[in-house]
Amino acid sequence: MPRPRVPDRRERILDAAEELVLARGFDAMSVASIAGHAGIGKGAVYLEFAGKHEILDALLQRGTTRMNDRVRAELGDHPRLSSAYRASARALSDDALMTAAFLDDRGILGAHVAEITDGRYRDRQQRVVEWLHGLQERGEIVPDVDVDALALALSSASIGLLTAAQLLGPFEPAQLERAIDTIGRMAETFERN
């Protein structure tokens, strides 16, 4: 007689894997440790995923969806540039896994970072550029701004905010929030009223 299926098995595996990758790093994580942390058998993990690389890919996809859903719930489908930057930066800074992915943090993502050659990070940046072009075409941002440069500037500002504590020393969450708001205010200069 087959064993009963574990309810929400895939999500339990992903939840356990996310906790482990953040605590130990991807390289130290194993399928067996994920199974143990999820309270299921190792074979059950393999019923859902081919291996730990596929688990991490699923975690990163889930994290991206989680961030996008948070921003969409806060702002709707057509936010202004400044509010979208603020909401995205807050969502990113509040999500340890996605911060690690955004920064290519080898301490958390380990060898996986070097193995990513499919262009996903370039694709992510290209989606920001396309979104900004759409805003410009709808007349929501000024026509004379170079959207490629604006996308690079906003992404670089986000990277700077995420690494500020490492480089400049610890700071209070309120300081990060004020910095995010300041960059949002700078982005307002590119919006058309």
C-alpha atoms as a PDB file:
ATOM      1  CA  MET A   1       0.000   0.000   0.000  1.00  0.00           C
ATOM      2  CA  PRO A   2       1.468   3.393  -0.948  1.00  0.00           C
ATOM      3  CA  ARG A   3       2.222   5.910   1.757  1.00  0.00           C
ATOM      4  CA  PRO A   4      -0.199   8.840   1.974  1.00  0.00           C
ATOM      5  CA  ARG A   5       0.916  12.040   0.293  1.00  0.00           C
ATOM      6  CA  VAL A   6       2.250  14.723   2.619  1.00  0.00           C
ATOM      7  CA  PRO A   7      -0.087  17.750   2.529  1.00  0.00           C
ATOM      8  CA  ASP A   8       1.524  20.839   0.981  1.00  0.00           C
ATOM      9  CA  ARG A   9       4.691  18.827   0.394  1.00  0.00           C
ATOM     10  CA  ARG A  10       6.201  21.195  -2.165  1.00  0.00           C
ATOM     11  CA  GLU A  11       5.696  24.270   0.034  1.00  0.00           C
ATOM     12  CA  ARG A  12       7.039  22.444   3.094  1.00  0.00           C
ATOM     13  CA  ILE A  13      10.151  21.544   1.138  1.00  0.00           C
ATOM     14  CA  LEU A  14      10.604  25.108  -0.080  1.00  0.00           C
ATOM     15  CA  ASP A  15      10.001  26.569   3.382  1.00  0.00           C
ATOM     16  CA  ALA A  16      12.578  24.216   4.894  1.00  0.00           C
ATOM     17  CA  ALA A  17      15.070  24.891   2.106  1.00  0.00           C
ATOM     18  CA  GLU A  18      14.713  28.653   2.464  1.00  0.00           C
ATOM     19  CA  GLU A  19      15.380  28.464   6.196  1.00  0.00           C
ATOM     20  CA  LEU A  20      18.420  26.256   5.624  1.00  0.00           C
ATOM     21  CA  VAL A  21      19.923  28.233   2.771  1.00  0.00           C
ATOM     22  CA  LEU A  22      19.669  31.429   4.812  1.00  0.00           C
ATOM     23  CA  ALA A  23      21.118  29.776   7.924  1.00  0.00           C
ATOM     24  CA  ARG A  24      23.853  27.622   6.363  1.00  0.00           C
ATOM     25  CA  GLY A  25      24.234  28.670   2.743  1.00  0.00           C
ATOM     26  CA  PHE A  26      23.412  26.761  -0.418  1.00  0.00           C
ATOM     27  CA  ASP A  27      26.675  24.802  -0.567  1.00  0.00           C
ATOM     28  CA  ALA A  28      26.199  23.381   2.963  1.00  0.00           C
ATOM     29  CA  MET A  29      22.564  22.472   2.355  1.00  0.00           C
ATOM     30  CA  SER A  30      21.703  18.945   1.211  1.00  0.00           C
ATOM     31  CA  VAL A  31      18.535  17.237   0.059  1.00  0.00           C
ATOM     32  CA  ALA A  32      18.734  15.083   3.190  1.00  0.00           C
ATOM     33  CA  SER A  33      18.929  18.157   5.445  1.00  0.00           C
ATOM     34  CA  ILE A  34      15.986  19.723   3.641  1.00  0.00           C
ATOM     35  CA  ALA A  35      13.950  16.540   4.078  1.00  0.00           C
ATOM     36  CA  GLY A  36      14.835  16.331   7.763  1.00  0.00           C
ATOM     37  CA  HIS A  37      13.992  19.989   8.345  1.00  0.00           C
ATOM     38  CA  ALA A  38      10.667  19.551   6.505  1.00  0.00           C
ATOM     39  CA  GLY A  39       9.869  16.400   8.481  1.00  0.00           C
ATOM     40  CA  ILE A  40       9.516  14.222   5.400  1.00  0.00           C
ATOM     41  CA  GLY A  41      11.523  11.483   3.734  1.00  0.00           C
ATOM     42  CA  LYS A  42      14.323  12.267   1.306  1.00  0.00           C
ATOM     43  CA  GLY A  43      12.470  10.352  -1.409  1.00  0.00           C
ATOM     44  CA  ALA A  44       9.518  12.723  -1.055  1.00  0.00           C
ATOM     45  CA  VAL A  45      11.817  15.625  -1.905  1.00  0.00           C
ATOM     46  CA  TYR A  46      12.879  13.840  -5.078  1.00  0.00           C
ATOM     47  CA  LEU A  47       9.240  13.369  -6.031  1.00  0.00           C
ATOM     48  CA  GLU A  48       8.995  17.172  -6.240  1.00  0.00           C
ATOM     49  CA  PHE A  49      12.499  18.210  -7.350  1.00  0.00           C
ATOM     50  CA  ALA A  50      15.370  16.612  -9.242  1.00  0.00           C
ATOM     51  CA  GLY A  51      17.923  18.010  -6.780  1.00  0.00           C
ATOM     52  CA  LYS A  52      18.975  20.960  -4.681  1.00  0.00           C
ATOM     53  CA  HIS A  53      19.707  23.223  -7.669  1.00  0.00           C
ATOM     54  CA  GLU A  54      16.117  22.891  -8.795  1.00  0.00           C
ATOM     55  CA  ILE A  55      14.986  23.611  -5.244  1.00  0.00           C
ATOM     56  CA  LEU A  56      16.996  26.840  -5.166  1.00  0.00           C
ATOM     57  CA  ASP A  57      15.661  27.861  -8.575  1.00  0.00           C
ATOM     58  CA  ALA A  58      12.121  27.292  -7.256  1.00  0.00           C
ATOM     59  CA  LEU A  59      12.961  29.316  -4.133  1.00  0.00           C
ATOM     60  CA  LEU A  60      14.187  32.235  -6.215  1.00  0.00           C
ATOM     61  CA  GLN A  61      11.115  32.099  -8.448  1.00  0.00           C
ATOM     62  CA  ARG A  62       8.880  31.953  -5.376  1.00  0.00           C
ATOM     63  CA  GLY A  63      10.769  34.889  -3.846  1.00  0.00           C
ATOM     64  CA  THR A  64      10.348  36.963  -6.995  1.00  0.00           C
ATOM     65  CA  THR A  65       6.628  36.203  -7.047  1.00  0.00           C
ATOM     66  CA  ARG A  66       6.400  37.029  -3.331  1.00  0.00           C
ATOM     67  CA  MET A  67       8.037  40.424  -3.894  1.00  0.00           C
ATOM     68  CA  ASN A  68       5.956  41.216  -6.979  1.00  0.00           C
ATOM     69  CA  ASP A  69       2.756  40.245  -5.171  1.00  0.00           C
ATOM     70  CA  ARG A  70       3.671  42.448  -2.213  1.00  0.00           C
ATOM     71  CA  VAL A  71       4.330  45.464  -4.433  1.00  0.00           C
ATOM     72  CA  ARG A  72       1.178  44.839  -6.492  1.00  0.00           C
ATOM     73  CA  ALA A  73      -0.937  44.478  -3.321  1.00  0.00           C
ATOM     74  CA  GLU A  74       0.452  47.759  -2.017  1.00  0.00           C
ATOM     75  CA  LEU A  75       0.257  49.756  -5.248  1.00  0.00           C
ATOM     76  CA  GLY A  76      -1.974  48.032  -7.790  1.00  0.00           C
ATOM     77  CA  ASP A  77      -0.990  47.243 -11.360  1.00  0.00           C
ATOM     78  CA  HIS A  78       0.013  50.727 -12.571  1.00  0.00           C
ATOM     79  CA  PRO A  79       2.084  52.480  -9.920  1.00  0.00           C
ATOM     80  CA  ARG A  80       3.982  55.693 -10.437  1.00  0.00           C
ATOM     81  CA  LEU A  81       7.754  55.406 -10.723  1.00  0.00           C
ATOM     82  CA  SER A  82       8.528  56.890  -7.295  1.00  0.00           C
ATOM     83  CA  SER A  83       6.019  54.768  -5.393  1.00  0.00           C
ATOM     84  CA  ALA A  84       7.073  51.633  -7.308  1.00  0.00           C
ATOM     85  CA  TYR A  85      10.710  52.271  -6.396  1.00  0.00           C
ATOM     86  CA  ARG A  86       9.854  52.775  -2.731  1.00  0.00           C
ATOM     87  CA  ALA A  87       7.660  49.674  -2.518  1.00  0.00           C
ATOM     88  CA  SER A  88      10.128  47.499  -4.461  1.00  0.00           C
ATOM     89  CA  ALA A  89      13.114  48.646  -2.398  1.00  0.00           C
ATOM     90  CA  ARG A  90      11.243  47.961   0.851  1.00  0.00           C
ATOM     91  CA  ALA A  91      10.104  44.538  -0.364  1.00  0.00           C
ATOM     92  CA  LEU A  92      13.625  43.670  -1.450  1.00  0.00           C
ATOM     93  CA  SER A  93      15.302  44.868   1.735  1.00  0.00           C
ATOM     94  CA  ASP A  94      12.757  42.943   3.859  1.00  0.00           C
ATOM     95  CA  ASP A  95      13.423  39.645   2.056  1.00  0.00           C
ATOM     96  CA  ALA A  96      16.768  38.065   2.974  1.00  0.00           C
ATOM     97  CA  LEU A  97      16.700  35.482   0.185  1.00  0.00           C
ATOM     98  CA  MET A  98      15.900  38.006  -2.529  1.00  0.00           C
ATOM     99  CA  THR A  99      18.498  40.417  -1.167  1.00  0.00           C
ATOM    100  CA  ALA A 100      21.049  37.601  -1.484  1.00  0.00           C
ATOM    101  CA  ALA A 101      19.889  36.917  -5.035  1.00  0.00           C
ATOM    102  CA  PHE A 102      19.968  40.600  -5.981  1.00  0.00           C
ATOM    103  CA  LEU A 103      23.521  40.943  -4.644  1.00  0.00           C
ATOM    104  CA  ASP A 104      24.764  37.555  -5.920  1.00  0.00           C
ATOM    105  CA  ASP A 105      25.695  36.800  -2.302  1.00  0.00           C
ATOM    106  CA  ARG A 106      28.047  33.819  -2.434  1.00  0.00           C
ATOM    107  CA  GLY A 107      27.806  33.393   1.340  1.00  0.00           C
ATOM    108  CA  ILE A 108      24.164  32.420   0.941  1.00  0.00           C
ATOM    109  CA  LEU A 109      23.870  31.248  -2.661  1.00  0.00           C
ATOM    110  CA  GLY A 110      27.392  29.794  -2.842  1.00  0.00           C
ATOM    111  CA  ALA A 111      28.453  28.072  -6.035  1.00  0.00           C
ATOM    112  CA  HIS A 112      24.986  28.574  -7.492  1.00  0.00           C
ATOM    113  CA  VAL A 113      25.912  32.188  -8.267  1.00  0.00           C
ATOM    114  CA  ALA A 114      28.798  31.131 -10.517  1.00  0.00           C
ATOM    115  CA  GLU A 115      26.626  28.520 -12.197  1.00  0.00           C
ATOM    116  CA  ILE A 116      23.976  31.014 -13.334  1.00  0.00           C
ATOM    117  CA  THR A 117      24.808  31.707 -16.938  1.00  0.00           C
ATOM    118  CA  ASP A 118      21.301  31.882 -18.344  1.00  0.00           C
ATOM    119  CA  GLY A 119      21.120  35.683 -18.299  1.00  0.00           C
ATOM    120  CA  ARG A 120      18.394  35.927 -15.652  1.00  0.00           C
ATOM    121  CA  TYR A 121      19.990  38.926 -13.958  1.00  0.00           C
ATOM    122  CA  ARG A 122      20.355  40.750 -17.263  1.00  0.00           C
ATOM    123  CA  ASP A 123      16.755  39.772 -18.068  1.00  0.00           C
ATOM    124  CA  ARG A 124      15.577  41.244 -14.753  1.00  0.00           C
ATOM    125  CA  GLN A 125      17.286  44.528 -15.569  1.00  0.00           C
ATOM    126  CA  GLN A 126      15.821  44.469 -19.079  1.00  0.00           C
ATOM    127  CA  ARG A 127      12.305  44.089 -17.623  1.00  0.00           C
ATOM    128  CA  VAL A 128      12.914  47.249 -15.562  1.00  0.00           C
ATOM    129  CA  VAL A 129      14.041  49.070 -18.718  1.00  0.00           C
ATOM    130  CA  GLU A 130      10.941  47.878 -20.594  1.00  0.00           C
ATOM    131  CA  TRP A 131       8.680  48.966 -17.729  1.00  0.00           C
ATOM    132  CA  LEU A 132      10.278  52.424 -17.745  1.00  0.00           C
ATOM    133  CA  HIS A 133       9.859  52.649 -21.521  1.00  0.00           C
ATOM    134  CA  GLY A 134       6.172  51.831 -21.028  1.00  0.00           C
ATOM    135  CA  LEU A 135       5.848  54.605 -18.448  1.00  0.00           C
ATOM    136  CA  GLN A 136       7.540  57.002 -20.824  1.00  0.00           C
ATOM    137  CA  GLU A 137       5.323  55.980 -23.746  1.00  0.00           C
ATOM    138  CA  ARG A 138       2.209  56.563 -21.593  1.00  0.00           C
ATOM    139  CA  GLY A 139       3.516  60.000 -20.687  1.00  0.00           C
ATOM    140  CA  GLU A 140       4.018  59.140 -17.029  1.00  0.00           C
ATOM    141  CA  ILE A 141       7.706  60.056 -17.000  1.00  0.00           C
ATOM    142  CA  VAL A 142       9.399  62.908 -18.799  1.00  0.00           C
ATOM    143  CA  PRO A 143      10.223  62.255 -22.447  1.00  0.00           C
ATOM    144  CA  ASP A 144      13.827  63.462 -22.303  1.00  0.00           C
ATOM    145  CA  VAL A 145      15.112  60.971 -19.704  1.00  0.00           C
ATOM    146  CA  ASP A 146      17.299  58.094 -20.920  1.00  0.00           C
ATOM    147  CA  VAL A 147      15.357  55.151 -19.473  1.00  0.00           C
ATOM    148  CA  ASP A 148      18.310  52.769 -19.823  1.00  0.00           C
ATOM    149  CA  ALA A 149      20.399  55.117 -17.672  1.00  0.00           C
ATOM    150  CA  LEU A 150      17.522  55.629 -15.239  1.00  0.00           C
ATOM    151  CA  ALA A 151      17.080  51.858 -14.820  1.00  0.00           C
ATOM    152  CA  LEU A 152      20.810  51.458 -14.161  1.00  0.00           C
ATOM    153  CA  ALA A 153      20.786  54.347 -11.670  1.00  0.00           C
ATOM    154  CA  LEU A 154      17.796  52.959  -9.748  1.00  0.00           C
ATOM    155  CA  SER A 155      19.225  49.426  -9.685  1.00  0.00           C
ATOM    156  CA  SER A 156      22.594  50.755  -8.558  1.00  0.00           C
ATOM    157  CA  ALA A 157      20.906  52.771  -5.815  1.00  0.00           C
ATOM    158  CA  SER A 158      19.158  49.607  -4.624  1.00  0.00           C
ATOM    159  CA  ILE A 159      22.417  47.667  -4.582  1.00  0.00           C
ATOM    160  CA  GLY A 160      24.015  50.517  -2.643  1.00  0.00           C
ATOM    161  CA  LEU A 161      21.226  50.509  -0.051  1.00  0.00           C
ATOM    162  CA  LEU A 162      21.422  46.747   0.371  1.00  0.00           C
ATOM    163  CA  THR A 163      25.188  46.827   0.943  1.00  0.00           C
ATOM    164  CA  ALA A 164      25.344  50.054   2.963  1.00  0.00           C
ATOM    165  CA  ALA A 165      25.385  48.338   6.362  1.00  0.00           C
ATOM    166  CA  GLN A 166      28.296  46.110   5.293  1.00  0.00           C
ATOM    167  CA  LEU A 167      30.344  49.018   4.015  1.00  0.00           C
ATOM    168  CA  LEU A 168      29.301  51.903   6.251  1.00  0.00           C
ATOM    169  CA  GLY A 169      28.507  50.141   9.485  1.00  0.00           C
ATOM    170  CA  PRO A 170      25.212  49.305  11.129  1.00  0.00           C
ATOM    171  CA  PHE A 171      22.279  51.677  10.910  1.00  0.00           C
ATOM    172  CA  GLU A 172      18.722  51.737  12.122  1.00  0.00           C
ATOM    173  CA  PRO A 173      15.842  50.489   9.933  1.00  0.00           C
ATOM    174  CA  ALA A 174      14.400  54.010  10.034  1.00  0.00           C
ATOM    175  CA  GLN A 175      17.569  55.278   8.330  1.00  0.00           C
ATOM    176  CA  LEU A 176      17.109  52.757   5.508  1.00  0.00           C
ATOM    177  CA  GLU A 177      13.468  53.800   5.148  1.00  0.00           C
ATOM    178  CA  ARG A 178      14.481  57.474   4.920  1.00  0.00           C
ATOM    179  CA  ALA A 179      17.100  56.609   2.293  1.00  0.00           C
ATOM    180  CA  ILE A 180      14.521  54.672   0.260  1.00  0.00           C
ATOM    181  CA  ASP A 181      12.134  57.624   0.525  1.00  0.00           C
ATOM    182  CA  THR A 182      14.889  60.014  -0.576  1.00  0.00           C
ATOM    183  CA  ILE A 183      15.600  57.974  -3.703  1.00  0.00           C
ATOM    184  CA  GLY A 184      11.838  57.839  -4.309  1.00  0.00           C
ATOM    185  CA  ARG A 185      11.724  61.621  -4.063  1.00  0.00           C
ATOM    186  CA  MET A 186      14.579  61.846  -6.571  1.00  0.00           C
ATOM    187  CA  ALA A 187      12.607  59.555  -8.901  1.00  0.00           C
ATOM    188  CA  GLU A 188       9.657  61.960  -8.631  1.00  0.00           C
ATOM    189  CA  THR A 189      11.697  64.483 -10.641  1.00  0.00           C
ATOM    190  CA  PHE A 190      11.289  62.185 -13.668  1.00  0.00           C
ATOM    191  CA  GLU A 191       7.505  61.873 -13.300  1.00  0.00           C
ATOM    192  CA  ARG A 192       5.046  63.964 -15.202  1.00  0.00           C
ATOM    193  CA  ASN A 193       2.240  65.379 -13.109  1.00  0.00           C
END
